[in-house]
C-alpha atoms as a PDB file:
ATOM      1  CA  UNK A   1       0.000   0.000   0.000  1.00  0.00           C
ATOM      2  CA  UNK A   2       0.960   3.629  -0.328  1.00  0.00           C
ATOM      3  CA  UNK A   3       0.557   6.503   2.095  1.00  0.00           C
ATOM      4  CA  UNK A   4       2.256   9.499   3.691  1.00  0.00           C
ATOM      5  CA  UNK A   5       4.183   9.732   6.945  1.00  0.00           C
ATOM      6  CA  UNK A   6       2.346  12.249   9.139  1.00  0.00           C
ATOM      7  CA  UNK A   7       4.196  11.782  12.440  1.00  0.00           C
ATOM      8  CA  UNK A   8       7.422  10.258  13.731  1.00  0.00           C
ATOM      9  CA  UNK A   9       7.807   9.444  17.412  1.00  0.00           C
ATOM     10  CA  UNK A  10      10.915   7.527  18.370  1.00  0.00           C
ATOM     11  CA  UNK A  11      11.043   4.565  15.940  1.00  0.00           C
ATOM     12  CA  UNK A  12       7.312   4.592  15.214  1.00  0.00           C
ATOM     13  CA  UNK A  13       6.103   6.058  11.915  1.00  0.00           C
ATOM     14  CA  UNK A  14       2.462   7.079  11.602  1.00  0.00           C
ATOM     15  CA  UNK A  15       1.291   6.648   7.998  1.00  0.00           C
ATOM     16  CA  UNK A  16      -1.953   7.997   6.536  1.00  0.00           C
ATOM     17  CA  UNK A  17      -3.298   5.962   3.623  1.00  0.00           C
ATOM     18  CA  UNK A  18      -6.583   7.314   2.236  1.00  0.00           C
ATOM     19  CA  UNK A  19      -7.745   8.357   5.698  1.00  0.00           C
ATOM     20  CA  UNK A  20      -6.722   5.145   7.462  1.00  0.00           C
ATOM     21  CA  UNK A  21      -3.902   5.399  10.002  1.00  0.00           C
ATOM     22  CA  UNK A  22      -1.165   2.769  10.266  1.00  0.00           C
ATOM     23  CA  UNK A  23       1.616   2.655  12.863  1.00  0.00           C
ATOM     24  CA  UNK A  24       4.683   1.331  11.066  1.00  0.00           C
ATOM     25  CA  UNK A  25       8.351   0.588  11.658  1.00  0.00           C
ATOM     26  CA  UNK A  26      11.271   1.300   9.357  1.00  0.00           C
ATOM     27  CA  UNK A  27      13.193  -1.460   7.624  1.00  0.00           C
ATOM     28  CA  UNK A  28      16.828  -1.970   8.522  1.00  0.00           C
ATOM     29  CA  UNK A  29      17.911  -1.316   4.939  1.00  0.00           C
ATOM     30  CA  UNK A  30      17.161   2.391   5.378  1.00  0.00           C
ATOM     31  CA  UNK A  31      19.709   2.579   8.203  1.00  0.00           C
ATOM     32  CA  UNK A  32      22.228   0.625   6.140  1.00  0.00           C
ATOM     33  CA  UNK A  33      21.674   2.951   3.177  1.00  0.00           C
ATOM     34  CA  UNK A  34      21.785   5.985   5.497  1.00  0.00           C
ATOM     35  CA  UNK A  35      18.269   7.015   4.503  1.00  0.00           C
ATOM     36  CA  UNK A  36      16.170   8.770   7.154  1.00  0.00           C
ATOM     37  CA  UNK A  37      12.369   8.658   6.718  1.00  0.00           C
ATOM     38  CA  UNK A  38      10.816  12.094   7.219  1.00  0.00           C
ATOM     39  CA  UNK A  39       7.414  13.514   8.031  1.00  0.00           C
ATOM     40  CA  UNK A  40       5.912  14.346   4.649  1.00  0.00           C
ATOM     41  CA  UNK A  41       7.447  11.360   2.868  1.00  0.00           C
ATOM     42  CA  UNK A  42       5.221   9.416   0.491  1.00  0.00           C
ATOM     43  CA  UNK A  43       5.941   5.736   1.061  1.00  0.00           C
ATOM     44  CA  UNK A  44       5.076   2.173   0.132  1.00  0.00           C
ATOM     45  CA  UNK A  45       4.437  -0.005   3.169  1.00  0.00           C
ATOM     46  CA  UNK A  46       3.513  -3.540   4.154  1.00  0.00           C
ATOM     47  CA  UNK A  47      -0.039  -3.263   5.495  1.00  0.00           C
ATOM     48  CA  UNK A  48       0.076  -6.648   7.268  1.00  0.00           C
ATOM     49  CA  UNK A  49       3.489  -6.458   8.924  1.00  0.00           C
ATOM     50  CA  UNK A  50       3.458  -2.668   9.272  1.00  0.00           C
ATOM     51  CA  UNK A  51       6.856  -2.000   7.740  1.00  0.00           C
ATOM     52  CA  UNK A  52       7.832   0.879   5.449  1.00  0.00           C
ATOM     53  CA  UNK A  53       9.221  -0.675   2.272  1.00  0.00           C
ATOM     54  CA  UNK A  54      10.079   2.273   0.043  1.00  0.00           C
ATOM     55  CA  UNK A  55      10.341   6.067   0.205  1.00  0.00           C
ATOM     56  CA  UNK A  56       9.134   7.859  -2.915  1.00  0.00           C
ATOM     57  CA  UNK A  57      11.315  10.592  -4.492  1.00  0.00           C
ATOM     58  CA  UNK A  58      11.071  13.858  -2.570  1.00  0.00           C
ATOM     59  CA  UNK A  59      10.195  17.275  -3.946  1.00  0.00           C
ATOM     60  CA  UNK A  60      12.485  18.793  -1.303  1.00  0.00           C
ATOM     61  CA  UNK A  61      13.644  18.138   2.231  1.00  0.00           C
ATOM     62  CA  UNK A  62      14.547  20.120   5.326  1.00  0.00           C
ATOM     63  CA  UNK A  63      16.770  18.976   8.188  1.00  0.00           C
ATOM     64  CA  UNK A  64      15.886  21.612  10.804  1.00  0.00           C
ATOM     65  CA  UNK A  65      13.062  20.608  11.120  1.00  0.00           C
ATOM     66  CA  UNK A  66      13.136  17.118   9.555  1.00  0.00           C
ATOM     67  CA  UNK A  67      10.367  17.296   6.945  1.00  0.00           C
ATOM     68  CA  UNK A  68       9.927  16.721   3.205  1.00  0.00           C
ATOM     69  CA  UNK A  69       7.671  17.667   0.274  1.00  0.00           C
ATOM     70  CA  UNK A  70       6.910  21.186   1.477  1.00  0.00           C
ATOM     71  CA  UNK A  71       5.281  23.854  -0.730  1.00  0.00           C
ATOM     72  CA  UNK A  72       5.464  26.933   1.473  1.00  0.00           C
ATOM     73  CA  UNK A  73       6.935  27.992   4.788  1.00  0.00           C
ATOM     74  CA  UNK A  74       5.246  30.223   7.347  1.00  0.00           C
ATOM     75  CA  UNK A  75       8.026  31.996   9.238  1.00  0.00           C
ATOM     76  CA  UNK A  76       6.341  32.909  12.524  1.00  0.00           C
ATOM     77  CA  UNK A  77       8.252  35.974  13.699  1.00  0.00           C
ATOM     78  CA  UNK A  78       7.661  37.421  17.155  1.00  0.00           C
ATOM     79  CA  UNK A  79       8.027  41.185  17.568  1.00  0.00           C
ATOM     80  CA  UNK A  80       8.217  41.076  21.378  1.00  0.00           C
ATOM     81  CA  UNK A  81       8.859  38.335  23.972  1.00  0.00           C
ATOM     82  CA  UNK A  82      10.902  36.987  22.271  1.00  0.00           C
ATOM     83  CA  UNK A  83      12.066  40.170  20.575  1.00  0.00           C
ATOM     84  CA  UNK A  84      12.219  40.649  16.820  1.00  0.00           C
ATOM     85  CA  UNK A  85      15.369  39.135  15.294  1.00  0.00           C
ATOM     86  CA  UNK A  86      16.253  40.194  11.757  1.00  0.00           C
ATOM     87  CA  UNK A  87      19.130  37.716  11.856  1.00  0.00           C
ATOM     88  CA  UNK A  88      16.875  34.724  12.473  1.00  0.00           C
ATOM     89  CA  UNK A  89      14.296  35.948   9.938  1.00  0.00           C
ATOM     90  CA  UNK A  90      16.914  36.371   7.201  1.00  0.00           C
ATOM     91  CA  UNK A  91      18.438  32.976   7.977  1.00  0.00           C
ATOM     92  CA  UNK A  92      15.031  31.325   7.639  1.00  0.00           C
ATOM     93  CA  UNK A  93      14.298  33.209   4.413  1.00  0.00           C
ATOM     94  CA  UNK A  94      17.646  32.041   3.062  1.00  0.00           C
ATOM     95  CA  UNK A  95      16.870  28.425   3.981  1.00  0.00           C
ATOM     96  CA  UNK A  96      13.491  28.658   2.236  1.00  0.00           C
ATOM     97  CA  UNK A  97      15.077  30.100  -0.894  1.00  0.00           C
ATOM     98  CA  UNK A  98      17.780  27.433  -0.977  1.00  0.00           C
ATOM     99  CA  UNK A  99      15.257  24.611  -0.631  1.00  0.00           C
ATOM    100  CA  UNK A 100      12.832  26.159  -3.163  1.00  0.00           C
ATOM    101  CA  UNK A 101      10.084  26.631  -0.562  1.00  0.00           C
ATOM    102  CA  UNK A 102       7.855  29.688  -0.903  1.00  0.00           C
ATOM    103  CA  UNK A 103       8.295  31.816   2.259  1.00  0.00           C
ATOM    104  CA  UNK A 104       5.525  33.706   4.051  1.00  0.00           C
ATOM    105  CA  UNK A 105       6.499  36.093   6.854  1.00  0.00           C
ATOM    106  CA  UNK A 106       3.950  36.158   9.674  1.00  0.00           C
ATOM    107  CA  UNK A 107       4.548  38.734  12.420  1.00  0.00           C
ATOM    108  CA  UNK A 108       3.095  38.088  15.869  1.00  0.00           C
ATOM    109  CA  UNK A 109       2.598  40.120  19.069  1.00  0.00           C
ATOM    110  CA  UNK A 110       2.372  43.498  17.336  1.00  0.00           C
ATOM    111  CA  UNK A 111       0.023  44.622  20.110  1.00  0.00           C
ATOM    112  CA  UNK A 112       2.971  44.587  22.551  1.00  0.00           C
ATOM    113  CA  UNK A 113       4.825  47.308  20.618  1.00  0.00           C
ATOM    114  CA  UNK A 114       4.629  51.039  21.254  1.00  0.00           C
ATOM    115  CA  UNK A 115       3.898  53.470  18.415  1.00  0.00           C
ATOM    116  CA  UNK A 116       7.571  54.153  17.685  1.00  0.00           C
ATOM    117  CA  UNK A 117       8.319  50.430  17.449  1.00  0.00           C
ATOM    118  CA  UNK A 118       5.330  49.863  15.167  1.00  0.00           C
ATOM    119  CA  UNK A 119       6.673  52.499  12.765  1.00  0.00           C
ATOM    120  CA  UNK A 120      10.053  50.750  12.763  1.00  0.00           C
ATOM    121  CA  UNK A 121       8.446  47.412  11.922  1.00  0.00           C
ATOM    122  CA  UNK A 122       6.583  49.068   9.047  1.00  0.00           C
ATOM    123  CA  UNK A 123       9.978  49.794   7.482  1.00  0.00           C
ATOM    124  CA  UNK A 124      10.852  46.097   7.495  1.00  0.00           C
ATOM    125  CA  UNK A 125       7.365  45.096   6.336  1.00  0.00           C
ATOM    126  CA  UNK A 126       7.602  47.431   3.334  1.00  0.00           C
ATOM    127  CA  UNK A 127      11.094  46.255   2.412  1.00  0.00           C
ATOM    128  CA  UNK A 128      10.318  42.529   2.487  1.00  0.00           C
ATOM    129  CA  UNK A 129       7.141  43.055   0.501  1.00  0.00           C
ATOM    130  CA  UNK A 130       9.144  44.977  -2.085  1.00  0.00           C
ATOM    131  CA  UNK A 131      11.370  41.900  -2.438  1.00  0.00           C
ATOM    132  CA  UNK A 132       8.260  39.904  -3.334  1.00  0.00           C
ATOM    133  CA  UNK A 133       7.685  38.163  -0.005  1.00  0.00           C
ATOM    134  CA  UNK A 134       4.216  37.895   1.460  1.00  0.00           C
ATOM    135  CA  UNK A 135       4.075  39.617   4.844  1.00  0.00           C
ATOM    136  CA  UNK A 136       1.146  39.055   7.208  1.00  0.00           C
ATOM    137  CA  UNK A 137       0.241  39.591  10.832  1.00  0.00           C
ATOM    138  CA  UNK A 138      -1.263  36.781  12.887  1.00  0.00           C
ATOM    139  CA  UNK A 139      -4.412  38.918  13.210  1.00  0.00           C
ATOM    140  CA  UNK A 140      -5.098  38.550   9.455  1.00  0.00           C
ATOM    141  CA  UNK A 141      -6.918  35.256  10.035  1.00  0.00           C
ATOM    142  CA  UNK A 142      -9.088  35.440   6.902  1.00  0.00           C
ATOM    143  CA  UNK A 143      -6.068  35.917   4.619  1.00  0.00           C
ATOM    144  CA  UNK A 144      -4.062  33.253   6.419  1.00  0.00           C
ATOM    145  CA  UNK A 145      -6.784  30.608   6.134  1.00  0.00           C
ATOM    146  CA  UNK A 146      -6.998  31.084   2.375  1.00  0.00           C
ATOM    147  CA  UNK A 147      -3.290  30.391   1.913  1.00  0.00           C
ATOM    148  CA  UNK A 148      -3.285  26.721   2.928  1.00  0.00           C
ATOM    149  CA  UNK A 149      -5.659  25.170   0.407  1.00  0.00           C
ATOM    150  CA  UNK A 150      -4.042  22.360  -1.574  1.00  0.00           C
ATOM    151  CA  UNK A 151      -0.571  23.047  -0.166  1.00  0.00           C
ATOM    152  CA  UNK A 152       1.747  21.570   2.432  1.00  0.00           C
ATOM    153  CA  UNK A 153       2.984  24.311   4.735  1.00  0.00           C
ATOM    154  CA  UNK A 154       5.757  24.177   7.316  1.00  0.00           C
ATOM    155  CA  UNK A 155       5.475  26.404  10.394  1.00  0.00           C
ATOM    156  CA  UNK A 156       8.793  27.529  11.759  1.00  0.00           C
ATOM    157  CA  UNK A 157      10.392  30.289  13.825  1.00  0.00           C
ATOM    158  CA  UNK A 158      11.857  30.778  17.277  1.00  0.00           C
ATOM    159  CA  UNK A 159      10.331  29.108  20.323  1.00  0.00           C
ATOM    160  CA  UNK A 160       7.583  31.186  21.877  1.00  0.00           C
ATOM    161  CA  UNK A 161       6.840  33.087  18.659  1.00  0.00           C
ATOM    162  CA  UNK A 162       3.268  31.803  18.619  1.00  0.00           C
ATOM    163  CA  UNK A 163       3.238  28.922  16.131  1.00  0.00           C
ATOM    164  CA  UNK A 164       0.996  26.607  18.141  1.00  0.00           C
ATOM    165  CA  UNK A 165      -1.189  29.527  19.261  1.00  0.00           C
ATOM    166  CA  UNK A 166      -1.836  30.512  15.653  1.00  0.00           C
ATOM    167  CA  UNK A 167      -2.615  26.942  14.605  1.00  0.00           C
ATOM    168  CA  UNK A 168      -5.073  26.610  17.507  1.00  0.00           C
ATOM    169  CA  UNK A 169      -6.838  29.777  16.338  1.00  0.00           C
ATOM    170  CA  UNK A 170      -7.119  28.364  12.831  1.00  0.00           C
ATOM    171  CA  UNK A 171      -8.614  25.116  14.133  1.00  0.00           C
ATOM    172  CA  UNK A 172      -9.616  24.969  17.808  1.00  0.00           C
ATOM    173  CA  UNK A 173     -10.121  21.193  17.627  1.00  0.00           C
ATOM    174  CA  UNK A 174      -6.360  20.642  17.304  1.00  0.00           C
ATOM    175  CA  UNK A 175      -5.720  22.032  20.812  1.00  0.00           C
ATOM    176  CA  UNK A 176      -1.926  22.061  20.491  1.00  0.00           C
ATOM    177  CA  UNK A 177       0.022  22.650  23.691  1.00  0.00           C
ATOM    178  CA  UNK A 178       1.128  26.256  24.192  1.00  0.00           C
ATOM    179  CA  UNK A 179       4.053  27.115  26.453  1.00  0.00           C
ATOM    180  CA  UNK A 180       5.049  30.112  28.519  1.00  0.00           C
ATOM    181  CA  UNK A 181       7.831  32.553  27.697  1.00  0.00           C
ATOM    182  CA  UNK A 182      11.023  32.381  29.707  1.00  0.00           C
ATOM    183  CA  UNK A 183      11.589  36.011  30.683  1.00  0.00           C
ATOM    184  CA  UNK A 184      15.181  35.379  31.780  1.00  0.00           C
ATOM    185  CA  UNK A 185      16.170  33.780  28.482  1.00  0.00           C
ATOM    186  CA  UNK A 186      13.928  35.936  26.287  1.00  0.00           C
ATOM    187  CA  UNK A 187      12.636  32.961  24.350  1.00  0.00           C
ATOM    188  CA  UNK A 188       9.912  30.371  24.579  1.00  0.00           C
ATOM    189  CA  UNK A 189       9.943  26.959  26.120  1.00  0.00           C
ATOM    190  CA  UNK A 190       9.664  24.110  23.634  1.00  0.00           C
ATOM    191  CA  UNK A 191       6.078  22.832  23.608  1.00  0.00           C
ATOM    192  CA  UNK A 192       6.031  21.018  20.255  1.00  0.00           C
ATOM    193  CA  UNK A 193       8.137  17.938  20.995  1.00  0.00           C
ATOM    194  CA  UNK A 194       7.898  16.188  17.644  1.00  0.00           C
ATOM    195  CA  UNK A 195       7.179  16.973  14.003  1.00  0.00           C
ATOM    196  CA  UNK A 196       3.659  16.175  12.833  1.00  0.00           C
ATOM    197  CA  UNK A 197       1.622  16.713   9.681  1.00  0.00           C
ATOM    198  CA  UNK A 198      -1.906  18.040  10.290  1.00  0.00           C
ATOM    199  CA  UNK A 199      -4.848  18.708   7.987  1.00  0.00           C
ATOM    200  CA  UNK A 200      -5.882  22.349   8.114  1.00  0.00           C
ATOM    201  CA  UNK A 201      -7.977  24.714   5.989  1.00  0.00           C
ATOM    202  CA  UNK A 202      -8.020  22.440   2.942  1.00  0.00           C
ATOM    203  CA  UNK A 203      -4.300  21.746   3.064  1.00  0.00           C
ATOM    204  CA  UNK A 204      -1.624  20.221   5.271  1.00  0.00           C
ATOM    205  CA  UNK A 205       0.598  21.917   7.807  1.00  0.00           C
ATOM    206  CA  UNK A 206       3.690  20.802   9.670  1.00  0.00           C
ATOM    207  CA  UNK A 207       3.962  21.897  13.289  1.00  0.00           C
ATOM    208  CA  UNK A 208       7.585  21.719  14.383  1.00  0.00           C
ATOM    209  CA  UNK A 209       9.659  22.304  17.526  1.00  0.00           C
ATOM    210  CA  UNK A 210      10.984  25.847  17.660  1.00  0.00           C
ATOM    211  CA  UNK A 211      14.671  26.346  17.008  1.00  0.00           C
ATOM    212  CA  UNK A 212      17.215  29.130  16.803  1.00  0.00           C
ATOM    213  CA  UNK A 213      20.221  27.363  15.227  1.00  0.00           C
ATOM    214  CA  UNK A 214      20.267  26.981  11.461  1.00  0.00           C
ATOM    215  CA  UNK A 215      22.953  25.238   9.441  1.00  0.00           C
ATOM    216  CA  UNK A 216      23.758  25.740   5.763  1.00  0.00           C
ATOM    217  CA  UNK A 217      25.567  22.448   5.298  1.00  0.00           C
ATOM    218  CA  UNK A 218      25.542  21.286   1.678  1.00  0.00           C
ATOM    219  CA  UNK A 219      25.253  24.749   0.158  1.00  0.00           C
ATOM    220  CA  UNK A 220      28.055  26.862  -1.287  1.00  0.00           C
ATOM    221  CA  UNK A 221      28.718  30.467  -0.357  1.00  0.00           C
ATOM    222  CA  UNK A 222      27.749  31.402  -3.900  1.00  0.00           C
ATOM    223  CA  UNK A 223      24.352  29.725  -3.509  1.00  0.00           C
ATOM    224  CA  UNK A 224      23.767  31.599  -0.267  1.00  0.00           C
ATOM    225  CA  UNK A 225      24.764  34.872  -1.938  1.00  0.00           C
ATOM    226  CA  UNK A 226      22.356  34.259  -4.812  1.00  0.00           C
ATOM    227  CA  UNK A 227      19.488  33.516  -2.395  1.00  0.00           C
ATOM    228  CA  UNK A 228      19.465  37.197  -1.365  1.00  0.00           C
ATOM    229  CA  UNK A 229      17.003  38.393  -3.994  1.00  0.00           C
ATOM    230  CA  UNK A 230      17.897  42.094  -3.909  1.00  0.00           C
ATOM    231  CA  UNK A 231      21.518  41.476  -4.896  1.00  0.00           C
ATOM    232  CA  UNK A 232      20.506  40.505  -8.441  1.00  0.00           C
ATOM    233  CA  UNK A 233      19.020  43.971  -8.989  1.00  0.00           C
ATOM    234  CA  UNK A 234      22.410  45.635  -8.630  1.00  0.00           C
ATOM    235  CA  UNK A 235      25.060  43.853 -10.769  1.00  0.00           C
ATOM    236  CA  UNK A 236      28.632  44.300  -9.606  1.00  0.00           C
ATOM    237  CA  UNK A 237      31.526  45.069 -11.991  1.00  0.00           C
ATOM    238  CA  UNK A 238      32.928  41.661 -11.034  1.00  0.00           C
ATOM    239  CA  UNK A 239      30.678  38.718 -11.879  1.00  0.00           C
ATOM    240  CA  UNK A 240      31.982  36.549  -9.021  1.00  0.00           C
ATOM    241  CA  UNK A 241      31.823  39.317  -6.394  1.00  0.00           C
ATOM    242  CA  UNK A 242      30.895  38.029  -2.927  1.00  0.00           C
ATOM    243  CA  UNK A 243      30.016  41.549  -1.697  1.00  0.00           C
ATOM    244  CA  UNK A 244      32.402  41.389   1.244  1.00  0.00           C
ATOM    245  CA  UNK A 245      35.800  43.075   0.861  1.00  0.00           C
ATOM    246  CA  UNK A 246      35.859  43.593  -2.903  1.00  0.00           C
ATOM    247  CA  UNK A 247      36.575  47.096  -4.163  1.00  0.00           C
ATOM    248  CA  UNK A 248      33.944  48.773  -6.333  1.00  0.00           C
ATOM    249  CA  UNK A 249      31.255  46.415  -4.981  1.00  0.00           C
ATOM    250  CA  UNK A 250      27.934  47.889  -6.012  1.00  0.00           C
ATOM    251  CA  UNK A 251      26.008  46.075  -3.279  1.00  0.00           C
ATOM    252  CA  UNK A 252      27.936  47.906  -0.570  1.00  0.00           C
ATOM    253  CA  UNK A 253      27.224  51.192  -2.330  1.00  0.00           C
ATOM    254  CA  UNK A 254      23.500  50.426  -2.484  1.00  0.00           C
ATOM    255  CA  UNK A 255      23.545  49.653   1.240  1.00  0.00           C
ATOM    256  CA  UNK A 256      25.085  53.068   1.871  1.00  0.00           C
ATOM    257  CA  UNK A 257      22.377  54.674  -0.283  1.00  0.00           C
ATOM    258  CA  UNK A 258      19.668  52.881   1.687  1.00  0.00           C
ATOM    259  CA  UNK A 259      18.412  50.838  -1.272  1.00  0.00           C
ATOM    260  CA  UNK A 260      19.422  47.619   0.467  1.00  0.00           C
ATOM    261  CA  UNK A 261      18.433  47.225   4.107  1.00  0.00           C
ATOM    262  CA  UNK A 262      21.587  47.417   6.227  1.00  0.00           C
ATOM    263  CA  UNK A 263      20.361  44.628   8.517  1.00  0.00           C
ATOM    264  CA  UNK A 264      19.938  42.337   5.502  1.00  0.00           C
ATOM    265  CA  UNK A 265      23.485  43.001   4.346  1.00  0.00           C
ATOM    266  CA  UNK A 266      24.888  42.568   7.867  1.00  0.00           C
ATOM    267  CA  UNK A 267      23.014  39.278   8.254  1.00  0.00           C
ATOM    268  CA  UNK A 268      24.297  38.105   4.859  1.00  0.00           C
ATOM    269  CA  UNK A 269      27.884  38.774   5.965  1.00  0.00           C
ATOM    270  CA  UNK A 270      27.313  36.853   9.222  1.00  0.00           C
ATOM    271  CA  UNK A 271      25.916  33.853   7.362  1.00  0.00           C
ATOM    272  CA  UNK A 272      28.822  33.814   4.899  1.00  0.00           C
ATOM    273  CA  UNK A 273      31.583  34.335   7.463  1.00  0.00           C
ATOM    274  CA  UNK A 274      30.115  31.792   9.917  1.00  0.00           C
ATOM    275  CA  UNK A 275      29.781  29.096   7.257  1.00  0.00           C
END
C-alpha cells in the first residue's frame, strides 16, 4: 500500500493511507543505506506487517526541522517576547530560498509594541514586501486561512513566537500545547516535541519544535549569496563578487544609499563568514 508519513515518534512512523492510520516501523535497509524517513514522505508499506518498504522521491527536504515535500513555509516571527530578530528571519528566508520553498512572513505580538516600534516594523514590512515576499500579521486570520488550500505548509520560527497559538486559532479542535515565555532567556519553552503533519484549511501543515540554530551544510557560499534576492538587482563590476571586501562592490554602495536594508546586508555577511 501507499501513504504518507504524518508523524514520527521515536522509531514509530504514523502513515496515513486514504484516511486510514497505520503505525509502522522502518526497515533496517534504510539505516544501512543511510536514509532517514521524514514527516511528509510518500511511502510504500507492508499493510500486514506494518513496515515501510520504500520512500518515494522527494520534492524537497529540510533537516531543521526534519520534513519533506513542502510547498510553502510560514516563518512565525515574534516582535516582542521573544524580541524581533532580523538575523533569524533572514536565515530562515535564506533556507526557504535554498530549498525552493515559498516563504511567508507572519509577524506576531504586534500589540505589545509602542507606536515608535510599530513604525520601525513598518519599514521592514515594506522592504520585504518589495522583495516579493508575502508579509502578514497573525491577526489577518481570513487571509491566512486562504493560503493553505491544496498546499503543504511548514510552520517555523523561534520558540515562543506563537506557532501553536496561531494553529489553535485556525482550528480549535487541534488544541496544540502552548508554552510560557522564559523572561530570563527571552525565548519560549519548547512545547512542540515532535514533528507532525496536520490537515488544516483544505491543506496540510507541519507543526515543528521551535529552534534558533540553522545550518547551511551542503550549500556553497555562492548559492547563499544568490538567495538574497535584492543582490541581483544591482550587478557588480565583477561577476563573481561576494560583496564582502571587494573594491567597487555595487552592493555595498547600495547599502550606503539605503536601497538595500543594512540589517539584511549585515546578516548576509554573518551567514557567509560563519559558514
